[in-house]
Amino acid sequence: MLATYRYGPDEGRPLLIVHGLFGSARNWGVLAKRLSVDRPVLTVDMRNHGESFRAEAHGYEDMAEDLAQVIEENGGNVDLLGHSMGGKSAMMLALTRPEFVRRLIVADIAPVAYSHTQLHLVEAMQELEIEGLKKRSDADRALERTVPDSQTRSFLLQSLDVKAPTPRWKLNLDVLAEEMDKILGWPATDGRFDGPTLFLSGARSDYVLPDYRSDIKALFPAAQFAKIPDAGHWLHADRPREFEATVAAYLSA
């Protein structure tokens, strides 16, 4: 089963938070703690990420089944929040196993195939010479040549364990590269989720375009849409308090 981390009380319907590509449960720890005042909150490391198991497959049907196992172990019904790759995994779960989900929040992603790729970031991490590194700041300077954006470097380097006996990436980079087309894509599905669903986007992001709304409504008829001002794709990091307030208000409505 996925590496799972629990916050808050033992009783109540959990909120399950699912991270995106190259992320981990750790990225969501502060938000999870803040949202766990009166309910349990679960975060997970997805397959091929963090402390979870390594696997050759990285498709959305597989990841949805991973989430189903976590939910079965934690009461059988959750509110579900997923960002980017985690948002697609959450959507797939809601479409194929709707009995597991009460409310769904999809953060800055749509049920469509995207034409951009993150393969260059995988290659940059693969090419980084990490043997002998003692500090993440040294890795940051070395990675700057291939990844100029400091925010992106900081995010990627959270998955570099420099304190291990031999520095290592907490990402299965080879499989993520091999499965990138699946990660960027969206498998055909006949499912439908009629429960409350919020598509929450960054106002500066282009991941959820108006053209995608018909695809979204066909799968999620009750979908509502909201934007976080002055936020990009990583809206929870760009505007954490606004993101938290929006999530809390929607879940308590």
C-alpha atoms as a PDB file:
ATOM      1  CA  MET A   1       0.000   0.000   0.000  1.00  0.00           C
ATOM      2  CA  LEU A   2       1.056   3.601  -0.479  1.00  0.00           C
ATOM      3  CA  ALA A   3       3.073   5.253   2.283  1.00  0.00           C
ATOM      4  CA  THR A   4       0.358   7.099   4.207  1.00  0.00           C
ATOM      5  CA  TYR A   5       0.606   9.888   6.795  1.00  0.00           C
ATOM      6  CA  ARG A   6      -2.233  10.823   9.143  1.00  0.00           C
ATOM      7  CA  TYR A   7      -3.000  14.112  10.884  1.00  0.00           C
ATOM      8  CA  GLY A   8      -5.678  15.162  13.341  1.00  0.00           C
ATOM      9  CA  PRO A   9      -8.281  13.136  15.251  1.00  0.00           C
ATOM     10  CA  ASP A  10      -9.091   9.479  14.773  1.00  0.00           C
ATOM     11  CA  GLU A  11     -12.812  10.031  14.255  1.00  0.00           C
ATOM     12  CA  GLY A  12     -14.577  11.556  11.264  1.00  0.00           C
ATOM     13  CA  ARG A  13     -14.545  11.287   7.491  1.00  0.00           C
ATOM     14  CA  PRO A  14     -10.956  11.749   6.295  1.00  0.00           C
ATOM     15  CA  LEU A  15      -9.736  14.216   3.744  1.00  0.00           C
ATOM     16  CA  LEU A  16      -7.259  12.443   1.446  1.00  0.00           C
ATOM     17  CA  ILE A  17      -4.705  14.696  -0.280  1.00  0.00           C
ATOM     18  CA  VAL A  18      -2.916  13.429  -3.405  1.00  0.00           C
ATOM     19  CA  HIS A  19       0.234  15.157  -4.667  1.00  0.00           C
ATOM     20  CA  GLY A  20       1.334  15.766  -8.233  1.00  0.00           C
ATOM     21  CA  LEU A  21       4.228  14.599 -10.408  1.00  0.00           C
ATOM     22  CA  PHE A  22       7.650  14.779  -8.693  1.00  0.00           C
ATOM     23  CA  GLY A  23       5.931  15.658  -5.405  1.00  0.00           C
ATOM     24  CA  SER A  24       5.353  13.820  -2.157  1.00  0.00           C
ATOM     25  CA  ALA A  25       3.151  13.821   0.908  1.00  0.00           C
ATOM     26  CA  ARG A  26       5.742  16.081   2.518  1.00  0.00           C
ATOM     27  CA  ASN A  27       4.807  18.934   0.171  1.00  0.00           C
ATOM     28  CA  TRP A  28       1.325  18.989   1.710  1.00  0.00           C
ATOM     29  CA  GLY A  29       2.238  18.559   5.389  1.00  0.00           C
ATOM     30  CA  VAL A  30       1.586  22.155   6.492  1.00  0.00           C
ATOM     31  CA  LEU A  31      -1.787  22.301   4.745  1.00  0.00           C
ATOM     32  CA  ALA A  32      -2.742  18.871   6.086  1.00  0.00           C
ATOM     33  CA  LYS A  33      -2.013  19.967   9.652  1.00  0.00           C
ATOM     34  CA  ARG A  34      -4.016  23.159   9.262  1.00  0.00           C
ATOM     35  CA  LEU A  35      -7.016  21.319   7.820  1.00  0.00           C
ATOM     36  CA  SER A  36      -6.922  18.588  10.489  1.00  0.00           C
ATOM     37  CA  VAL A  37      -8.226  20.648  13.397  1.00  0.00           C
ATOM     38  CA  ASP A  38     -11.585  18.855  13.469  1.00  0.00           C
ATOM     39  CA  ARG A  39     -11.160  15.940  11.059  1.00  0.00           C
ATOM     40  CA  PRO A  40      -8.531  13.378  10.057  1.00  0.00           C
ATOM     41  CA  VAL A  41      -6.395  14.306   7.056  1.00  0.00           C
ATOM     42  CA  LEU A  42      -4.384  11.738   5.104  1.00  0.00           C
ATOM     43  CA  THR A  43      -1.517  12.386   2.719  1.00  0.00           C
ATOM     44  CA  VAL A  44       0.201   9.770   0.596  1.00  0.00           C
ATOM     45  CA  ASP A  45       3.345   9.255  -1.433  1.00  0.00           C
ATOM     46  CA  MET A  46       2.158   8.037  -4.829  1.00  0.00           C
ATOM     47  CA  ARG A  47       3.763   4.991  -6.444  1.00  0.00           C
ATOM     48  CA  ASN A  48       7.291   5.695  -7.733  1.00  0.00           C
ATOM     49  CA  HIS A  49       7.468   8.721  -5.411  1.00  0.00           C
ATOM     50  CA  GLY A  50       8.743   9.280  -1.881  1.00  0.00           C
ATOM     51  CA  GLU A  51       8.667   6.260   0.405  1.00  0.00           C
ATOM     52  CA  SER A  52       6.056   4.329  -1.585  1.00  0.00           C
ATOM     53  CA  PHE A  53       6.728   1.228  -3.630  1.00  0.00           C
ATOM     54  CA  ARG A  54       8.336   1.185  -7.063  1.00  0.00           C
ATOM     55  CA  ALA A  55       6.366  -0.251  -9.980  1.00  0.00           C
ATOM     56  CA  GLU A  56       6.800  -0.609 -13.737  1.00  0.00           C
ATOM     57  CA  ALA A  57       3.327   0.811 -14.495  1.00  0.00           C
ATOM     58  CA  HIS A  58       2.340   4.415 -13.812  1.00  0.00           C
ATOM     59  CA  GLY A  59      -1.079   4.776 -15.422  1.00  0.00           C
ATOM     60  CA  TYR A  60      -4.130   6.429 -13.899  1.00  0.00           C
ATOM     61  CA  GLU A  61      -6.068   3.198 -13.522  1.00  0.00           C
ATOM     62  CA  ASP A  62      -3.161   1.859 -11.443  1.00  0.00           C
ATOM     63  CA  MET A  63      -2.906   4.983  -9.321  1.00  0.00           C
ATOM     64  CA  ALA A  64      -6.660   5.076  -8.729  1.00  0.00           C
ATOM     65  CA  GLU A  65      -6.509   1.498  -7.439  1.00  0.00           C
ATOM     66  CA  ASP A  66      -3.668   2.500  -5.098  1.00  0.00           C
ATOM     67  CA  LEU A  67      -5.891   5.244  -3.664  1.00  0.00           C
ATOM     68  CA  ALA A  68      -8.814   2.832  -3.333  1.00  0.00           C
ATOM     69  CA  GLN A  69      -6.688   0.591  -1.114  1.00  0.00           C
ATOM     70  CA  VAL A  70      -5.814   3.521   1.150  1.00  0.00           C
ATOM     71  CA  ILE A  71      -9.484   4.526   1.430  1.00  0.00           C
ATOM     72  CA  GLU A  72     -10.572   0.967   2.229  1.00  0.00           C
ATOM     73  CA  GLU A  73      -8.050   0.932   5.070  1.00  0.00           C
ATOM     74  CA  ASN A  74      -9.378   4.242   6.418  1.00  0.00           C
ATOM     75  CA  GLY A  75     -13.120   3.915   6.630  1.00  0.00           C
ATOM     76  CA  GLY A  76     -14.216   3.413   3.045  1.00  0.00           C
ATOM     77  CA  ASN A  77     -15.310   6.975   2.195  1.00  0.00           C
ATOM     78  CA  VAL A  78     -13.368  10.235   1.996  1.00  0.00           C
ATOM     79  CA  ASP A  79     -13.329  13.760   0.737  1.00  0.00           C
ATOM     80  CA  LEU A  80     -10.639  13.797  -1.944  1.00  0.00           C
ATOM     81  CA  LEU A  81      -8.230  16.535  -3.027  1.00  0.00           C
ATOM     82  CA  GLY A  82      -5.747  15.951  -5.834  1.00  0.00           C
ATOM     83  CA  HIS A  83      -3.292  18.277  -7.569  1.00  0.00           C
ATOM     84  CA  SER A  84      -2.055  17.843 -11.158  1.00  0.00           C
ATOM     85  CA  MET A  85      -1.126  14.135 -11.604  1.00  0.00           C
ATOM     86  CA  GLY A  86      -2.792  13.548  -8.249  1.00  0.00           C
ATOM     87  CA  GLY A  87      -5.866  15.368  -9.527  1.00  0.00           C
ATOM     88  CA  LYS A  88      -6.113  13.037 -12.512  1.00  0.00           C
ATOM     89  CA  SER A  89      -5.667  10.045 -10.199  1.00  0.00           C
ATOM     90  CA  ALA A  90      -8.407  11.409  -7.939  1.00  0.00           C
ATOM     91  CA  MET A  91     -10.722  11.951 -10.914  1.00  0.00           C
ATOM     92  CA  MET A  92     -10.139   8.413 -12.143  1.00  0.00           C
ATOM     93  CA  LEU A  93     -10.957   7.028  -8.707  1.00  0.00           C
ATOM     94  CA  ALA A  94     -14.153   9.086  -8.466  1.00  0.00           C
ATOM     95  CA  LEU A  95     -15.235   7.960 -11.942  1.00  0.00           C
ATOM     96  CA  THR A  96     -14.545   4.261 -11.386  1.00  0.00           C
ATOM     97  CA  ARG A  97     -15.248   3.897  -7.644  1.00  0.00           C
ATOM     98  CA  PRO A  98     -17.668   6.742  -6.813  1.00  0.00           C
ATOM     99  CA  GLU A  99     -18.801   5.041  -3.600  1.00  0.00           C
ATOM    100  CA  PHE A 100     -15.429   5.950  -2.077  1.00  0.00           C
ATOM    101  CA  VAL A 101     -15.767   9.725  -2.592  1.00  0.00           C
ATOM    102  CA  ARG A 102     -18.142  12.229  -0.992  1.00  0.00           C
ATOM    103  CA  ARG A 103     -16.674  15.491  -2.313  1.00  0.00           C
ATOM    104  CA  LEU A 104     -13.909  15.943  -4.884  1.00  0.00           C
ATOM    105  CA  ILE A 105     -11.537  18.883  -5.321  1.00  0.00           C
ATOM    106  CA  VAL A 106      -9.356  18.872  -8.444  1.00  0.00           C
ATOM    107  CA  ALA A 107      -6.494  21.360  -8.243  1.00  0.00           C
ATOM    108  CA  ASP A 108      -5.316  22.835 -11.547  1.00  0.00           C
ATOM    109  CA  ILE A 109      -5.776  19.929 -13.926  1.00  0.00           C
ATOM    110  CA  ALA A 110      -8.481  18.709 -16.318  1.00  0.00           C
ATOM    111  CA  PRO A 111      -9.482  15.271 -17.647  1.00  0.00           C
ATOM    112  CA  VAL A 112      -7.710  15.862 -20.950  1.00  0.00           C
ATOM    113  CA  ALA A 113      -4.413  14.941 -22.604  1.00  0.00           C
ATOM    114  CA  TYR A 114      -1.744  17.660 -22.510  1.00  0.00           C
ATOM    115  CA  SER A 115       0.825  18.324 -25.230  1.00  0.00           C
ATOM    116  CA  HIS A 116       3.588  19.695 -23.012  1.00  0.00           C
ATOM    117  CA  THR A 117       6.080  17.329 -21.394  1.00  0.00           C
ATOM    118  CA  GLN A 118       8.025  17.158 -18.170  1.00  0.00           C
ATOM    119  CA  LEU A 119      10.570  14.775 -19.657  1.00  0.00           C
ATOM    120  CA  HIS A 120      13.247  17.481 -19.684  1.00  0.00           C
ATOM    121  CA  LEU A 121      12.993  17.690 -15.890  1.00  0.00           C
ATOM    122  CA  VAL A 122      13.414  13.931 -15.552  1.00  0.00           C
ATOM    123  CA  GLU A 123      16.467  14.116 -17.785  1.00  0.00           C
ATOM    124  CA  ALA A 124      17.908  17.010 -15.776  1.00  0.00           C
ATOM    125  CA  MET A 125      17.591  14.992 -12.563  1.00  0.00           C
ATOM    126  CA  GLN A 126      19.045  11.891 -14.195  1.00  0.00           C
ATOM    127  CA  GLU A 127      22.036  13.846 -15.484  1.00  0.00           C
ATOM    128  CA  LEU A 128      22.780  15.535 -12.153  1.00  0.00           C
ATOM    129  CA  GLU A 129      25.887  14.058 -10.543  1.00  0.00           C
ATOM    130  CA  ILE A 130      24.685  13.415  -6.991  1.00  0.00           C
ATOM    131  CA  GLU A 131      27.426  11.108  -5.740  1.00  0.00           C
ATOM    132  CA  GLY A 132      29.321  12.820  -2.966  1.00  0.00           C
ATOM    133  CA  LEU A 133      26.830  15.652  -2.504  1.00  0.00           C
ATOM    134  CA  LYS A 134      26.568  16.795   1.107  1.00  0.00           C
ATOM    135  CA  LYS A 135      24.178  19.738   0.839  1.00  0.00           C
ATOM    136  CA  ARG A 136      21.063  20.411  -1.191  1.00  0.00           C
ATOM    137  CA  SER A 137      22.427  23.879  -1.958  1.00  0.00           C
ATOM    138  CA  ASP A 138      25.299  22.277  -3.886  1.00  0.00           C
ATOM    139  CA  ALA A 139      22.773  20.309  -5.930  1.00  0.00           C
ATOM    140  CA  ASP A 140      20.812  23.498  -6.542  1.00  0.00           C
ATOM    141  CA  ARG A 141      23.844  25.228  -8.026  1.00  0.00           C
ATOM    142  CA  ALA A 142      24.636  22.215 -10.203  1.00  0.00           C
ATOM    143  CA  LEU A 143      21.034  21.895 -11.413  1.00  0.00           C
ATOM    144  CA  GLU A 144      20.770  25.568 -12.332  1.00  0.00           C
ATOM    145  CA  ARG A 145      22.398  24.958 -15.720  1.00  0.00           C
ATOM    146  CA  THR A 146      19.539  22.732 -16.934  1.00  0.00           C
ATOM    147  CA  VAL A 147      16.693  24.048 -14.750  1.00  0.00           C
ATOM    148  CA  PRO A 148      16.996  27.863 -14.615  1.00  0.00           C
ATOM    149  CA  ASP A 149      13.801  28.497 -12.633  1.00  0.00           C
ATOM    150  CA  SER A 150      14.612  28.580  -8.917  1.00  0.00           C
ATOM    151  CA  GLN A 151      11.085  27.596  -7.802  1.00  0.00           C
ATOM    152  CA  THR A 152      11.155  24.501 -10.005  1.00  0.00           C
ATOM    153  CA  ARG A 153      14.611  23.529  -8.747  1.00  0.00           C
ATOM    154  CA  SER A 154      13.520  23.945  -5.148  1.00  0.00           C
ATOM    155  CA  PHE A 155      10.499  21.728  -5.749  1.00  0.00           C
ATOM    156  CA  LEU A 156      12.495  18.989  -7.490  1.00  0.00           C
ATOM    157  CA  LEU A 157      15.244  18.984  -4.884  1.00  0.00           C
ATOM    158  CA  GLN A 158      12.791  18.220  -2.110  1.00  0.00           C
ATOM    159  CA  SER A 159      12.926  14.684  -3.517  1.00  0.00           C
ATOM    160  CA  LEU A 160      16.718  14.454  -3.291  1.00  0.00           C
ATOM    161  CA  ASP A 161      17.846  12.675  -0.129  1.00  0.00           C
ATOM    162  CA  VAL A 162      21.349  14.000   0.549  1.00  0.00           C
ATOM    163  CA  LYS A 163      21.451  12.524   4.051  1.00  0.00           C
ATOM    164  CA  ALA A 164      21.255   8.922   2.881  1.00  0.00           C
ATOM    165  CA  PRO A 165      24.552   6.957   3.025  1.00  0.00           C
ATOM    166  CA  THR A 166      24.569   7.428  -0.752  1.00  0.00           C
ATOM    167  CA  PRO A 167      22.550  10.434  -1.999  1.00  0.00           C
ATOM    168  CA  ARG A 168      19.476   9.289  -3.908  1.00  0.00           C
ATOM    169  CA  TRP A 169      16.386  10.559  -5.651  1.00  0.00           C
ATOM    170  CA  LYS A 170      13.134   9.550  -3.971  1.00  0.00           C
ATOM    171  CA  LEU A 171      11.658   9.219  -7.453  1.00  0.00           C
ATOM    172  CA  ASN A 172      11.704   6.286  -9.854  1.00  0.00           C
ATOM    173  CA  LEU A 173      13.025   8.469 -12.647  1.00  0.00           C
ATOM    174  CA  ASP A 174      13.411   5.695 -15.228  1.00  0.00           C
ATOM    175  CA  VAL A 175       9.763   4.625 -14.961  1.00  0.00           C
ATOM    176  CA  LEU A 176       8.477   8.213 -14.860  1.00  0.00           C
ATOM    177  CA  ALA A 177      10.344   8.890 -18.097  1.00  0.00           C
ATOM    178  CA  GLU A 178       9.062   5.700 -19.699  1.00  0.00           C
ATOM    179  CA  GLU A 179       5.461   6.380 -18.643  1.00  0.00           C
ATOM    180  CA  MET A 180       5.431  10.143 -19.332  1.00  0.00           C
ATOM    181  CA  ASP A 181       2.923   9.799 -22.183  1.00  0.00           C
ATOM    182  CA  LYS A 182       0.468   8.116 -19.800  1.00  0.00           C
ATOM    183  CA  ILE A 183       1.039  10.776 -17.153  1.00  0.00           C
ATOM    184  CA  LEU A 184       0.355  13.594 -19.611  1.00  0.00           C
ATOM    185  CA  GLY A 185      -2.537  11.764 -21.218  1.00  0.00           C
ATOM    186  CA  TRP A 186      -6.005  10.813 -20.082  1.00  0.00           C
ATOM    187  CA  PRO A 187      -7.469   7.324 -20.641  1.00  0.00           C
ATOM    188  CA  ALA A 188     -10.930   6.952 -22.128  1.00  0.00           C
ATOM    189  CA  THR A 189     -13.503   6.091 -19.463  1.00  0.00           C
ATOM    190  CA  ASP A 190     -17.252   5.575 -19.420  1.00  0.00           C
ATOM    191  CA  GLY A 191     -17.505   6.533 -15.771  1.00  0.00           C
ATOM    192  CA  ARG A 192     -19.351   9.493 -14.313  1.00  0.00           C
ATOM    193  CA  PHE A 193     -19.196  11.126 -10.885  1.00  0.00           C
ATOM    194  CA  ASP A 194     -22.364  12.920  -9.847  1.00  0.00           C
ATOM    195  CA  GLY A 195     -21.084  14.096  -6.475  1.00  0.00           C
ATOM    196  CA  PRO A 196     -20.019  17.642  -5.588  1.00  0.00           C
ATOM    197  CA  THR A 197     -16.839  18.548  -7.470  1.00  0.00           C
ATOM    198  CA  LEU A 198     -14.733  21.705  -7.451  1.00  0.00           C
ATOM    199  CA  PHE A 199     -12.185  22.458 -10.154  1.00  0.00           C
ATOM    200  CA  LEU A 200      -9.868  24.935  -8.421  1.00  0.00           C
ATOM    201  CA  SER A 201      -7.306  26.611 -10.669  1.00  0.00           C
ATOM    202  CA  GLY A 202      -4.555  29.187 -10.502  1.00  0.00           C
ATOM    203  CA  ALA A 203      -5.580  32.387 -12.281  1.00  0.00           C
ATOM    204  CA  ARG A 204      -2.160  32.520 -14.001  1.00  0.00           C
ATOM    205  CA  SER A 205      -2.251  28.856 -15.050  1.00  0.00           C
ATOM    206  CA  ASP A 206      -3.347  27.519 -18.434  1.00  0.00           C
ATOM    207  CA  TYR A 207      -4.014  23.941 -17.299  1.00  0.00           C
ATOM    208  CA  VAL A 208      -7.817  24.327 -17.062  1.00  0.00           C
ATOM    209  CA  LEU A 209      -8.941  26.263 -20.123  1.00  0.00           C
ATOM    210  CA  PRO A 210     -12.552  27.275 -20.872  1.00  0.00           C
ATOM    211  CA  ASP A 211     -12.433  24.882 -23.835  1.00  0.00           C
ATOM    212  CA  TYR A 212     -12.134  21.967 -21.396  1.00  0.00           C
ATOM    213  CA  ARG A 213     -15.385  22.666 -19.570  1.00  0.00           C
ATOM    214  CA  SER A 214     -17.539  20.517 -21.821  1.00  0.00           C
ATOM    215  CA  ASP A 215     -15.229  17.527 -21.219  1.00  0.00           C
ATOM    216  CA  ILE A 216     -15.330  18.204 -17.491  1.00  0.00           C
ATOM    217  CA  LYS A 217     -19.114  18.555 -17.331  1.00  0.00           C
ATOM    218  CA  ALA A 218     -19.626  15.320 -19.276  1.00  0.00           C
ATOM    219  CA  LEU A 219     -17.779  13.392 -16.563  1.00  0.00           C
ATOM    220  CA  PHE A 220     -18.595  15.573 -13.543  1.00  0.00           C
ATOM    221  CA  PRO A 221     -22.073  17.074 -14.065  1.00  0.00           C
ATOM    222  CA  ALA A 222     -22.051  18.853 -10.703  1.00  0.00           C
ATOM    223  CA  ALA A 223     -18.683  20.510 -11.334  1.00  0.00           C
ATOM    224  CA  GLN A 224     -18.115  24.044 -10.106  1.00  0.00           C
ATOM    225  CA  PHE A 225     -15.156  26.228 -11.028  1.00  0.00           C
ATOM    226  CA  ALA A 226     -13.068  28.690  -9.025  1.00  0.00           C
ATOM    227  CA  LYS A 227      -9.711  30.447  -9.410  1.00  0.00           C
ATOM    228  CA  ILE A 228      -7.081  31.535  -6.901  1.00  0.00           C
ATOM    229  CA  PRO A 229      -5.946  35.066  -7.879  1.00  0.00           C
ATOM    230  CA  ASP A 230      -2.270  35.589  -8.704  1.00  0.00           C
ATOM    231  CA  ALA A 231      -1.477  31.866  -8.547  1.00  0.00           C
ATOM    232  CA  GLY A 232       0.023  29.547 -11.128  1.00  0.00           C
ATOM    233  CA  HIS A 233      -0.038  25.776 -11.493  1.00  0.00           C
ATOM    234  CA  TRP A 234       1.359  25.277  -7.977  1.00  0.00           C
ATOM    235  CA  LEU A 235      -1.510  27.295  -6.553  1.00  0.00           C
ATOM    236  CA  HIS A 236      -1.235  25.718  -3.088  1.00  0.00           C
ATOM    237  CA  ALA A 237       2.362  26.953  -2.827  1.00  0.00           C
ATOM    238  CA  ASP A 238       1.797  30.344  -4.482  1.00  0.00           C
ATOM    239  CA  ARG A 239      -1.188  31.299  -2.317  1.00  0.00           C
ATOM    240  CA  PRO A 240      -1.348  28.778   0.547  1.00  0.00           C
ATOM    241  CA  ARG A 241      -3.761  30.669   2.818  1.00  0.00           C
ATOM    242  CA  GLU A 242      -6.206  31.442   0.015  1.00  0.00           C
ATOM    243  CA  PHE A 243      -6.007  27.841  -1.173  1.00  0.00           C
ATOM    244  CA  GLU A 244      -6.612  26.537   2.364  1.00  0.00           C
ATOM    245  CA  ALA A 245      -9.577  28.846   2.915  1.00  0.00           C
ATOM    246  CA  THR A 246     -11.208  27.840  -0.364  1.00  0.00           C
ATOM    247  CA  VAL A 247     -10.761  24.116   0.329  1.00  0.00           C
ATOM    248  CA  ALA A 248     -12.072  24.426   3.882  1.00  0.00           C
ATOM    249  CA  ALA A 249     -15.114  26.432   2.793  1.00  0.00           C
ATOM    250  CA  TYR A 250     -15.999  23.986   0.025  1.00  0.00           C
ATOM    251  CA  LEU A 251     -15.654  20.920   2.210  1.00  0.00           C
ATOM    252  CA  SER A 252     -17.831  22.406   4.949  1.00  0.00           C
ATOM    253  CA  ALA A 253     -20.546  23.745   2.623  1.00  0.00           C
END
